[in-house]
C-alpha atoms as a PDB file:
ATOM      1  CA  MET A   1     -93.624-197.539  71.745  1.00  0.00           C
ATOM      2  CA  LEU A   2     -90.001-198.494  72.437  1.00  0.00           C
ATOM      3  CA  PRO A   3     -89.092-202.130  71.644  1.00  0.00           C
ATOM      4  CA  TYR A   4     -87.444-202.455  75.069  1.00  0.00           C
ATOM      5  CA  SER A   5     -88.595-201.511  78.544  1.00  0.00           C
ATOM      6  CA  THR A   6     -85.408-201.603  80.597  1.00  0.00           C
ATOM      7  CA  ALA A   7     -82.027-199.920  80.383  1.00  0.00           C
ATOM      8  CA  VAL A   8     -80.316-203.303  80.130  1.00  0.00           C
ATOM      9  CA  GLU A   9     -82.337-204.237  77.042  1.00  0.00           C
ATOM     10  CA  ALA A  10     -81.736-200.820  75.474  1.00  0.00           C
ATOM     11  CA  GLN A  11     -77.985-200.975  76.107  1.00  0.00           C
ATOM     12  CA  ALA A  12     -77.834-204.442  74.629  1.00  0.00           C
ATOM     13  CA  ALA A  13     -79.672-203.260  71.514  1.00  0.00           C
ATOM     14  CA  LEU A  14     -77.462-200.162  71.091  1.00  0.00           C
ATOM     15  CA  GLY A  15     -74.252-201.918  72.048  1.00  0.00           C
ATOM     16  CA  ARG A  16     -73.233-199.115  74.427  1.00  0.00           C
ATOM     17  CA  PRO A  17     -74.305-197.463  77.697  1.00  0.00           C
ATOM     18  CA  LEU A  18     -77.204-195.019  77.542  1.00  0.00           C
ATOM     19  CA  THR A  19     -76.531-191.314  77.944  1.00  0.00           C
ATOM     20  CA  PHE A  20     -78.268-189.401  80.718  1.00  0.00           C
ATOM     21  CA  LEU A  21     -80.853-187.988  78.313  1.00  0.00           C
ATOM     22  CA  GLU A  22     -81.471-191.381  76.739  1.00  0.00           C
ATOM     23  CA  THR A  23     -82.056-192.845  80.191  1.00  0.00           C
ATOM     24  CA  LEU A  24     -84.632-190.134  80.903  1.00  0.00           C
ATOM     25  CA  TRP A  25     -86.284-190.747  77.543  1.00  0.00           C
ATOM     26  CA  LEU A  26     -86.484-194.485  78.224  1.00  0.00           C
ATOM     27  CA  GLN A  27     -87.995-193.922  81.668  1.00  0.00           C
ATOM     28  CA  HIS A  28     -90.697-191.616  80.356  1.00  0.00           C
ATOM     29  CA  THR A  29     -91.548-193.274  77.051  1.00  0.00           C
ATOM     30  CA  ALA A  30     -90.950-197.015  77.392  1.00  0.00           C
ATOM     31  CA  ASN A  31     -94.619-197.745  78.064  1.00  0.00           C
ATOM     32  CA  ARG A  32     -96.090-194.912  76.002  1.00  0.00           C
ATOM     33  CA  SER A  33     -97.485-195.340  72.532  1.00  0.00           C
ATOM     34  CA  ASP A  34     -96.140-193.244  69.660  1.00  0.00           C
ATOM     35  CA  TYR A  35     -99.564-191.652  69.306  1.00  0.00           C
ATOM     36  CA  PHE A  36     -99.526-190.575  72.958  1.00  0.00           C
ATOM     37  CA  LEU A  37     -96.085-189.008  72.519  1.00  0.00           C
ATOM     38  CA  TYR A  38     -97.192-187.172  69.395  1.00  0.00           C
ATOM     39  CA  CYS A  39    -100.272-185.835  71.162  1.00  0.00           C
ATOM     40  CA  LEU A  40     -98.021-184.258  73.791  1.00  0.00           C
ATOM     41  CA  ASN A  41     -97.501-181.577  71.129  1.00  0.00           C
ATOM     42  CA  ILE A  42    -100.928-180.281  72.138  1.00  0.00           C
ATOM     43  CA  VAL A  43     -99.756-179.834  75.743  1.00  0.00           C
ATOM     44  CA  TYR A  44     -96.585-178.045  74.656  1.00  0.00           C
ATOM     45  CA  LEU A  45     -98.520-175.741  72.354  1.00  0.00           C
ATOM     46  CA  PHE A  46    -101.003-174.878  75.092  1.00  0.00           C
ATOM     47  CA  VAL A  47     -98.118-173.963  77.413  1.00  0.00           C
ATOM     48  CA  ASN A  48     -96.545-171.908  74.617  1.00  0.00           C
ATOM     49  CA  PHE A  49     -99.750-170.004  73.940  1.00  0.00           C
ATOM     50  CA  THR A  50    -100.556-169.424  77.617  1.00  0.00           C
ATOM     51  CA  VAL A  51     -97.374-169.066  79.655  1.00  0.00           C
ATOM     52  CA  LEU A  52     -94.595-167.838  77.366  1.00  0.00           C
ATOM     53  CA  PRO A  53     -96.307-164.582  76.261  1.00  0.00           C
ATOM     54  CA  LEU A  54     -97.052-163.485  79.841  1.00  0.00           C
ATOM     55  CA  PRO A  55     -93.818-161.588  80.694  1.00  0.00           C
ATOM     56  CA  THR A  56     -94.023-159.061  77.844  1.00  0.00           C
ATOM     57  CA  VAL A  57     -97.828-158.841  78.013  1.00  0.00           C
ATOM     58  CA  ILE A  58     -97.580-157.970  81.706  1.00  0.00           C
ATOM     59  CA  LEU A  59     -94.910-155.346  80.961  1.00  0.00           C
ATOM     60  CA  ASP A  60     -97.186-153.875  78.300  1.00  0.00           C
ATOM     61  CA  VAL A  61    -100.405-153.866  80.331  1.00  0.00           C
ATOM     62  CA  LEU A  62     -98.765-152.463  83.469  1.00  0.00           C
ATOM     63  CA  LYS A  63     -96.691-149.957  81.467  1.00  0.00           C
ATOM     64  CA  VAL A  64     -93.601-150.840  83.485  1.00  0.00           C
ATOM     65  CA  ARG A  65     -91.529-147.721  83.237  1.00  0.00           C
ATOM     66  CA  ALA A  66     -88.112-149.379  83.429  1.00  0.00           C
ATOM     67  CA  PHE A  67     -88.830-151.209  80.165  1.00  0.00           C
ATOM     68  CA  GLU A  68     -90.478-148.363  78.237  1.00  0.00           C
ATOM     69  CA  ARG A  69     -87.242-147.568  76.416  1.00  0.00           C
ATOM     70  CA  PHE A  70     -87.436-151.011  74.797  1.00  0.00           C
ATOM     71  CA  LYS A  71     -91.067-150.547  73.676  1.00  0.00           C
ATOM     72  CA  LEU A  72     -91.282-150.221  69.914  1.00  0.00           C
ATOM     73  CA  GLN A  73     -94.485-148.184  70.010  1.00  0.00           C
ATOM     74  CA  PRO A  74     -94.215-146.464  73.406  1.00  0.00           C
ATOM     75  CA  GLY A  75     -97.365-144.448  72.867  1.00  0.00           C
ATOM     76  CA  VAL A  76     -99.579-147.541  72.556  1.00  0.00           C
ATOM     77  CA  HIS A  77    -100.252-150.072  75.320  1.00  0.00           C
ATOM     78  CA  THR A  78    -102.420-153.158  75.510  1.00  0.00           C
ATOM     79  CA  THR A  79    -105.325-153.062  77.943  1.00  0.00           C
ATOM     80  CA  ILE A  80    -106.277-155.981  80.165  1.00  0.00           C
ATOM     81  CA  SER A  81    -109.543-156.395  78.284  1.00  0.00           C
ATOM     82  CA  ASP A  82    -107.757-156.521  74.916  1.00  0.00           C
ATOM     83  CA  ALA A  83    -105.248-159.058  76.226  1.00  0.00           C
ATOM     84  CA  LEU A  84    -108.008-161.293  77.595  1.00  0.00           C
ATOM     85  CA  ARG A  85    -110.064-160.968  74.414  1.00  0.00           C
ATOM     86  CA  CYS A  86    -107.045-161.904  72.321  1.00  0.00           C
ATOM     87  CA  TYR A  87    -106.132-164.848  74.535  1.00  0.00           C
ATOM     88  CA  LYS A  88    -109.690-166.227  74.547  1.00  0.00           C
ATOM     89  CA  SER A  89    -109.785-166.055  70.749  1.00  0.00           C
ATOM     90  CA  VAL A  90    -106.411-167.818  70.506  1.00  0.00           C
ATOM     91  CA  ILE A  91    -107.512-170.614  72.841  1.00  0.00           C
ATOM     92  CA  TRP A  92    -110.757-171.016  70.912  1.00  0.00           C
ATOM     93  CA  SER A  93    -108.751-171.455  67.697  1.00  0.00           C
ATOM     94  CA  PHE A  94    -106.439-173.815  69.556  1.00  0.00           C
ATOM     95  CA  CYS A  95    -109.357-176.017  70.662  1.00  0.00           C
ATOM     96  CA  THR A  96    -111.212-175.972  67.337  1.00  0.00           C
ATOM     97  CA  VAL A  97    -108.390-175.891  64.760  1.00  0.00           C
ATOM     98  CA  VAL A  98    -104.855-176.447  66.088  1.00  0.00           C
ATOM     99  CA  GLY A  99    -105.611-179.251  68.552  1.00  0.00           C
ATOM    100  CA  PRO A 100    -107.785-181.322  66.196  1.00  0.00           C
ATOM    101  CA  LEU A 101    -105.185-180.931  63.435  1.00  0.00           C
ATOM    102  CA  GLN A 102    -102.527-182.334  65.741  1.00  0.00           C
ATOM    103  CA  LEU A 103    -104.713-185.320  66.558  1.00  0.00           C
ATOM    104  CA  LEU A 104    -105.671-186.032  62.964  1.00  0.00           C
ATOM    105  CA  SER A 105    -102.217-185.568  61.434  1.00  0.00           C
ATOM    106  CA  TYR A 106    -100.604-188.463  63.312  1.00  0.00           C
ATOM    107  CA  PRO A 107    -101.079-191.047  60.501  1.00  0.00           C
ATOM    108  CA  MET A 108     -99.226-188.711  58.135  1.00  0.00           C
ATOM    109  CA  VAL A 109     -96.411-188.204  60.659  1.00  0.00           C
ATOM    110  CA  LYS A 110     -96.124-191.948  61.165  1.00  0.00           C
ATOM    111  CA  MET A 111     -96.094-192.583  57.422  1.00  0.00           C
ATOM    112  CA  LEU A 112     -93.304-190.029  56.930  1.00  0.00           C
ATOM    113  CA  GLY A 113     -91.100-191.978  59.310  1.00  0.00           C
ATOM    114  CA  PHE A 114     -90.763-189.908  62.454  1.00  0.00           C
ATOM    115  CA  ARG A 115     -89.311-192.138  65.144  1.00  0.00           C
ATOM    116  CA  THR A 116     -89.498-192.217  68.929  1.00  0.00           C
ATOM    117  CA  SER A 117     -86.924-194.949  69.498  1.00  0.00           C
ATOM    118  CA  LEU A 118     -83.372-194.790  70.799  1.00  0.00           C
ATOM    119  CA  PRO A 119     -80.793-193.552  70.112  1.00  0.00           C
ATOM    120  CA  LEU A 120     -81.754-189.918  70.523  1.00  0.00           C
ATOM    121  CA  PRO A 121     -80.617-187.634  67.698  1.00  0.00           C
ATOM    122  CA  SER A 122     -77.252-185.915  68.047  1.00  0.00           C
ATOM    123  CA  CYS A 123     -77.008-182.145  68.486  1.00  0.00           C
ATOM    124  CA  GLY A 124     -75.680-181.884  64.940  1.00  0.00           C
ATOM    125  CA  GLU A 125     -78.651-183.785  63.526  1.00  0.00           C
ATOM    126  CA  ILE A 126     -81.138-181.673  65.471  1.00  0.00           C
ATOM    127  CA  VAL A 127     -79.534-178.355  64.501  1.00  0.00           C
ATOM    128  CA  SER A 128     -79.211-179.252  60.807  1.00  0.00           C
ATOM    129  CA  GLN A 129     -82.815-180.457  60.567  1.00  0.00           C
ATOM    130  CA  LEU A 130     -84.148-177.413  62.412  1.00  0.00           C
ATOM    131  CA  ALA A 131     -82.194-175.164  60.041  1.00  0.00           C
ATOM    132  CA  VAL A 132     -83.869-176.871  57.065  1.00  0.00           C
ATOM    133  CA  TYR A 133     -87.294-176.567  58.696  1.00  0.00           C
ATOM    134  CA  PHE A 134     -86.822-172.843  59.389  1.00  0.00           C
ATOM    135  CA  LEU A 135     -85.567-172.055  55.889  1.00  0.00           C
ATOM    136  CA  ILE A 136     -88.340-173.954  54.118  1.00  0.00           C
ATOM    137  CA  GLU A 137     -91.064-172.554  56.371  1.00  0.00           C
ATOM    138  CA  ASP A 138     -89.706-169.035  56.032  1.00  0.00           C
ATOM    139  CA  TYR A 139     -89.726-169.109  52.235  1.00  0.00           C
ATOM    140  CA  GLY A 140     -93.221-170.602  51.991  1.00  0.00           C
ATOM    141  CA  ASN A 141     -94.582-168.299  54.683  1.00  0.00           C
ATOM    142  CA  TYR A 142     -93.223-165.258  52.845  1.00  0.00           C
ATOM    143  CA  TRP A 143     -95.267-165.928  49.712  1.00  0.00           C
ATOM    144  CA  ILE A 144     -98.438-166.931  51.538  1.00  0.00           C
ATOM    145  CA  HIS A 145     -98.181-163.877  53.785  1.00  0.00           C
ATOM    146  CA  ARG A 146     -97.634-161.675  50.738  1.00  0.00           C
ATOM    147  CA  TRP A 147    -100.720-163.173  49.076  1.00  0.00           C
ATOM    148  CA  LEU A 148    -102.721-162.519  52.248  1.00  0.00           C
ATOM    149  CA  HIS A 149    -102.011-158.814  51.798  1.00  0.00           C
ATOM    150  CA  CYS A 150    -103.671-158.806  48.384  1.00  0.00           C
ATOM    151  CA  GLY A 151    -107.232-157.476  48.222  1.00  0.00           C
ATOM    152  CA  TRP A 152    -109.282-160.653  48.699  1.00  0.00           C
ATOM    153  CA  GLY A 153    -106.864-162.360  51.056  1.00  0.00           C
ATOM    154  CA  TYR A 154    -106.638-159.379  53.376  1.00  0.00           C
ATOM    155  CA  LYS A 155    -110.321-158.463  53.298  1.00  0.00           C
ATOM    156  CA  ASN A 156    -111.565-161.966  54.037  1.00  0.00           C
ATOM    157  CA  ILE A 157    -108.779-163.570  56.079  1.00  0.00           C
ATOM    158  CA  HIS A 158    -105.719-161.604  57.156  1.00  0.00           C
ATOM    159  CA  TYR A 159    -107.508-158.492  58.439  1.00  0.00           C
ATOM    160  CA  LEU A 160    -108.109-160.232  61.772  1.00  0.00           C
ATOM    161  CA  HIS A 161    -104.418-160.628  62.545  1.00  0.00           C
ATOM    162  CA  HIS A 162    -103.865-156.922  61.864  1.00  0.00           C
ATOM    163  CA  GLU A 163    -106.391-155.780  64.456  1.00  0.00           C
ATOM    164  CA  PHE A 164    -103.362-155.179  66.652  1.00  0.00           C
ATOM    165  CA  THR A 165    -101.313-152.437  64.977  1.00  0.00           C
ATOM    166  CA  ALA A 166     -99.114-152.500  68.070  1.00  0.00           C
ATOM    167  CA  PRO A 167     -98.760-156.278  68.503  1.00  0.00           C
ATOM    168  CA  MET A 168     -98.269-158.229  71.718  1.00  0.00           C
ATOM    169  CA  SER A 169     -97.125-161.801  72.293  1.00  0.00           C
ATOM    170  CA  PHE A 170    -100.652-163.191  72.689  1.00  0.00           C
ATOM    171  CA  ALA A 171    -101.408-161.878  69.192  1.00  0.00           C
ATOM    172  CA  ALA A 172     -98.812-164.074  67.462  1.00  0.00           C
ATOM    173  CA  PRO A 173    -101.334-166.906  66.769  1.00  0.00           C
ATOM    174  CA  TYR A 174    -104.323-164.523  66.735  1.00  0.00           C
ATOM    175  CA  ALA A 175    -105.725-165.116  63.255  1.00  0.00           C
ATOM    176  CA  HIS A 176    -108.622-166.328  61.135  1.00  0.00           C
ATOM    177  CA  TRP A 177    -109.016-170.120  61.111  1.00  0.00           C
ATOM    178  CA  ALA A 178    -108.281-170.184  57.377  1.00  0.00           C
ATOM    179  CA  GLU A 179    -105.001-168.350  57.949  1.00  0.00           C
ATOM    180  CA  ILE A 180    -104.021-170.846  60.630  1.00  0.00           C
ATOM    181  CA  LEU A 181    -104.610-173.672  58.158  1.00  0.00           C
ATOM    182  CA  VAL A 182    -102.842-172.150  55.175  1.00  0.00           C
ATOM    183  CA  LEU A 183     -99.819-170.927  57.136  1.00  0.00           C
ATOM    184  CA  GLY A 184     -99.547-174.340  58.740  1.00  0.00           C
ATOM    185  CA  ILE A 185     -98.657-175.843  55.352  1.00  0.00           C
ATOM    186  CA  PRO A 186     -95.072-174.478  55.075  1.00  0.00           C
ATOM    187  CA  SER A 187     -94.532-175.350  58.751  1.00  0.00           C
ATOM    188  CA  PHE A 188     -95.176-178.999  57.899  1.00  0.00           C
ATOM    189  CA  VAL A 189     -93.292-179.164  54.585  1.00  0.00           C
ATOM    190  CA  GLY A 190     -89.830-179.169  56.189  1.00  0.00           C
ATOM    191  CA  PRO A 191     -90.545-182.060  58.588  1.00  0.00           C
ATOM    192  CA  ALA A 192     -92.254-183.913  55.729  1.00  0.00           C
ATOM    193  CA  LEU A 193     -89.187-183.635  53.497  1.00  0.00           C
ATOM    194  CA  VAL A 194     -86.633-184.275  56.244  1.00  0.00           C
ATOM    195  CA  PRO A 195     -88.285-186.410  58.940  1.00  0.00           C
ATOM    196  CA  GLY A 196     -86.356-187.154  62.111  1.00  0.00           C
ATOM    197  CA  HIS A 197     -86.943-187.908  65.764  1.00  0.00           C
ATOM    198  CA  MET A 198     -90.041-186.855  67.715  1.00  0.00           C
ATOM    199  CA  VAL A 199     -87.794-184.741  69.941  1.00  0.00           C
ATOM    200  CA  THR A 200     -86.756-182.697  66.911  1.00  0.00           C
ATOM    201  CA  LEU A 201     -90.390-182.227  65.915  1.00  0.00           C
ATOM    202  CA  TRP A 202     -91.253-181.023  69.420  1.00  0.00           C
ATOM    203  CA  LEU A 203     -88.360-178.567  69.339  1.00  0.00           C
ATOM    204  CA  TRP A 204     -89.408-177.297  65.907  1.00  0.00           C
ATOM    205  CA  ILE A 205     -92.981-176.622  66.985  1.00  0.00           C
ATOM    206  CA  ALA A 206     -91.875-174.955  70.216  1.00  0.00           C
ATOM    207  CA  LEU A 207     -89.129-172.799  68.678  1.00  0.00           C
ATOM    208  CA  ARG A 208     -91.327-171.627  65.809  1.00  0.00           C
ATOM    209  CA  HIS A 209     -93.996-170.406  68.220  1.00  0.00           C
ATOM    210  CA  ILE A 210     -91.451-168.854  70.582  1.00  0.00           C
ATOM    211  CA  GLU A 211     -89.994-166.957  67.618  1.00  0.00           C
ATOM    212  CA  ALA A 212     -93.451-165.756  66.565  1.00  0.00           C
ATOM    213  CA  MET A 213     -94.180-164.531  70.086  1.00  0.00           C
ATOM    214  CA  GLU A 214     -90.898-162.639  70.230  1.00  0.00           C
ATOM    215  CA  THR A 215     -91.519-160.862  66.933  1.00  0.00           C
ATOM    216  CA  HIS A 216     -95.010-159.890  68.102  1.00  0.00           C
ATOM    217  CA  SER A 217     -93.958-158.872  71.614  1.00  0.00           C
ATOM    218  CA  GLY A 218     -93.771-155.147  70.904  1.00  0.00           C
ATOM    219  CA  TYR A 219     -90.409-154.971  72.692  1.00  0.00           C
ATOM    220  CA  ASP A 220     -86.903-154.947  71.243  1.00  0.00           C
ATOM    221  CA  PHE A 221     -84.569-156.149  73.987  1.00  0.00           C
ATOM    222  CA  PRO A 222     -80.857-155.640  73.231  1.00  0.00           C
ATOM    223  CA  TRP A 223     -79.885-158.785  75.163  1.00  0.00           C
ATOM    224  CA  SER A 224     -81.928-161.142  72.958  1.00  0.00           C
ATOM    225  CA  PHE A 225     -79.661-163.912  71.606  1.00  0.00           C
ATOM    226  CA  THR A 226     -81.598-163.822  68.312  1.00  0.00           C
ATOM    227  CA  LYS A 227     -79.746-160.610  67.441  1.00  0.00           C
ATOM    228  CA  PHE A 228     -76.725-162.787  66.699  1.00  0.00           C
ATOM    229  CA  ILE A 229     -78.577-164.906  64.100  1.00  0.00           C
ATOM    230  CA  PRO A 230     -77.718-163.775  60.530  1.00  0.00           C
ATOM    231  CA  PHE A 231     -80.632-162.286  58.559  1.00  0.00           C
ATOM    232  CA  TYR A 232     -83.004-162.685  61.512  1.00  0.00           C
ATOM    233  CA  GLY A 233     -85.866-160.181  61.430  1.00  0.00           C
ATOM    234  CA  GLY A 234     -86.871-159.818  65.056  1.00  0.00           C
ATOM    235  CA  ALA A 235     -89.448-157.739  66.886  1.00  0.00           C
ATOM    236  CA  GLU A 236     -88.544-154.359  65.404  1.00  0.00           C
ATOM    237  CA  TYR A 237     -88.714-155.715  61.862  1.00  0.00           C
ATOM    238  CA  HIS A 238     -92.158-157.267  62.227  1.00  0.00           C
ATOM    239  CA  ASP A 239     -93.505-154.470  64.412  1.00  0.00           C
ATOM    240  CA  TYR A 240     -93.085-152.118  61.454  1.00  0.00           C
ATOM    241  CA  HIS A 241     -95.252-154.446  59.352  1.00  0.00           C
ATOM    242  CA  HIS A 242     -98.069-154.197  61.911  1.00  0.00           C
ATOM    243  CA  PHE A 243     -97.593-150.470  62.389  1.00  0.00           C
ATOM    244  CA  VAL A 244     -98.098-149.741  58.696  1.00  0.00           C
ATOM    245  CA  GLY A 245    -101.200-151.928  58.790  1.00  0.00           C
ATOM    246  CA  GLY A 246    -103.312-153.593  56.140  1.00  0.00           C
ATOM    247  CA  LYS A 247    -101.840-151.581  53.277  1.00  0.00           C
ATOM    248  CA  SER A 248     -98.363-152.770  54.167  1.00  0.00           C
ATOM    249  CA  GLN A 249     -96.362-154.140  51.267  1.00  0.00           C
ATOM    250  CA  SER A 250     -93.251-154.452  53.376  1.00  0.00           C
ATOM    251  CA  ASN A 251     -91.606-156.924  55.768  1.00  0.00           C
ATOM    252  CA  PHE A 252     -93.532-160.080  54.909  1.00  0.00           C
ATOM    253  CA  ALA A 253     -90.749-162.266  56.289  1.00  0.00           C
ATOM    254  CA  SER A 254     -91.649-164.856  58.867  1.00  0.00           C
ATOM    255  CA  VAL A 255     -88.215-165.346  60.445  1.00  0.00           C
ATOM    256  CA  PHE A 256     -85.409-164.168  58.173  1.00  0.00           C
ATOM    257  CA  THR A 257     -85.135-161.041  56.027  1.00  0.00           C
ATOM    258  CA  TYR A 258     -83.493-162.327  52.856  1.00  0.00           C
ATOM    259  CA  CYS A 259     -86.751-162.790  50.901  1.00  0.00           C
ATOM    260  CA  ASP A 260     -87.831-159.218  51.588  1.00  0.00           C
ATOM    261  CA  TYR A 261     -84.420-158.007  50.479  1.00  0.00           C
ATOM    262  CA  LEU A 262     -84.289-160.161  47.324  1.00  0.00           C
ATOM    263  CA  TYR A 263     -87.813-159.259  46.212  1.00  0.00           C
ATOM    264  CA  GLY A 264     -87.663-155.616  47.250  1.00  0.00           C
ATOM    265  CA  THR A 265     -90.391-155.732  49.877  1.00  0.00           C
ATOM    266  CA  ASP A 266     -88.337-154.089  52.610  1.00  0.00           C
ATOM    267  CA  LYS A 267     -87.788-150.740  50.886  1.00  0.00           C
ATOM    268  CA  GLY A 268     -90.371-148.902  52.998  1.00  0.00           C
ATOM    269  CA  TYR A 269     -88.822-150.230  56.188  1.00  0.00           C
ATOM    270  CA  ARG A 270     -85.279-149.342  55.142  1.00  0.00           C
ATOM    271  CA  TYR A 271     -86.391-145.861  54.090  1.00  0.00           C
ATOM    272  CA  GLN A 272     -88.130-145.334  57.416  1.00  0.00           C
ATOM    273  CA  LYS A 273     -85.045-146.531  59.288  1.00  0.00           C
ATOM    274  CA  SER A 274     -82.787-144.141  57.417  1.00  0.00           C
ATOM    275  CA  LEU A 275     -85.239-141.288  57.962  1.00  0.00           C
ATOM    276  CA  MET A 276     -85.418-142.038  61.672  1.00  0.00           C
ATOM    277  CA  LYS A 277     -81.627-142.115  61.894  1.00  0.00           C
ATOM    278  CA  ILE A 278     -81.374-138.671  60.317  1.00  0.00           C
ATOM    279  CA  THR A 279     -84.072-137.350  62.658  1.00  0.00           C
ATOM    280  CA  LYS A 280     -82.386-138.828  65.724  1.00  0.00           C
ATOM    281  CA  ASN A 281     -79.091-137.238  64.739  1.00  0.00           C
ATOM    282  CA  LYS A 282     -80.786-133.873  64.372  1.00  0.00           C
ATOM    283  CA  LEU A 283     -82.562-134.140  67.707  1.00  0.00           C
ATOM    284  CA  GLY A 284     -79.491-135.562  69.413  1.00  0.00           C
ATOM    285  CA  GLU A 285     -81.498-138.184  71.291  1.00  0.00           C
ATOM    286  CA  GLU A 286     -82.923-141.669  70.927  1.00  0.00           C
ATOM    287  CA  THR A 287     -86.616-141.728  70.037  1.00  0.00           C
ATOM    288  CA  GLY A 288     -87.231-145.427  70.787  1.00  0.00           C
ATOM    289  CA  GLY A 289     -89.928-146.490  68.322  1.00  0.00           C
ATOM    290  CA  TRP A 290     -92.173-145.842  65.369  1.00  0.00           C
ATOM    291  CA  VAL A 291     -95.002-144.056  67.197  1.00  0.00           C
ATOM    292  CA  GLY A 292     -94.048-140.744  68.778  1.00  0.00           C
ATOM    293  CA  ASP A 293     -91.102-140.150  66.448  1.00  0.00           C
ATOM    294  CA  SER A 294     -90.897-137.185  64.154  1.00  0.00           C
ATOM    295  CA  CYS A 295     -91.235-139.668  61.312  1.00  0.00           C
ATOM    296  CA  ASP A 296     -94.930-140.330  61.599  1.00  0.00           C
ATOM    297  CA  LYS A 297     -96.988-143.058  60.021  1.00  0.00           C
ATOM    298  CA  LYS A 298     -97.728-141.007  56.905  1.00  0.00           C
ATOM    299  CA  SER A 299     -94.117-141.130  55.812  1.00  0.00           C
ATOM    300  CA  SER A 300     -94.350-144.886  55.385  1.00  0.00           C
END
């Protein structure tokens, strides 16, 4: 809870006028406890899981023709029943695993020093901390994901996530409860090492899930701003991982591609890309995806 309840008190404490965003923050948080603000993460996550995937899922289910050229596996479409089944499973995991974890982890967050007070963090502080969070999570996620593709890990845990060989946005958090727990560890390490403001934590949680939904969308849109991020994997990169399936030893990256490149786990993907390029040149046309190309699944 903020130590002041009015703008006058806040300005006196800061020694300067409040910015527009700080005024909004004061109005909406002055009488709220820190625990209440932290628990708003649950609301944001629910919105992420429910609303944000809808555009691409609708395109997929309805087979909207204008967007078929952006479909990575144009021969495979999600049915309404599969989408609903996936969503119900995700919400069940949200209610039984993700939500309770958010509620129970508050003492740890408080102990680490996350603050809700004014001043709000600067853009530079937010961007630098988010960069650290993404890099740490990406490296840890790479090795856990790679372990999950070993015999025991895949057979008992990770197989569930790979039910969708042509992924959709709802399937981003579709996983075994144990996978949700273990992959949540690297997501929390960055904030634990570099704690900041609650706003930064909210942004981190939201952006990480938005990124996961994009890479599982099944569509590769050329206008996506993420194409300008160095070493970013994207939908095409992760779609290949799902297309190959449980035996995949390629493209384990969560966000960036440098780990796959450094440890040689993108060779199958790069070979497939080069093979597709040769085939496209021979055919003189764009083929648009993995499925339906002359380079079939066996070549991977």
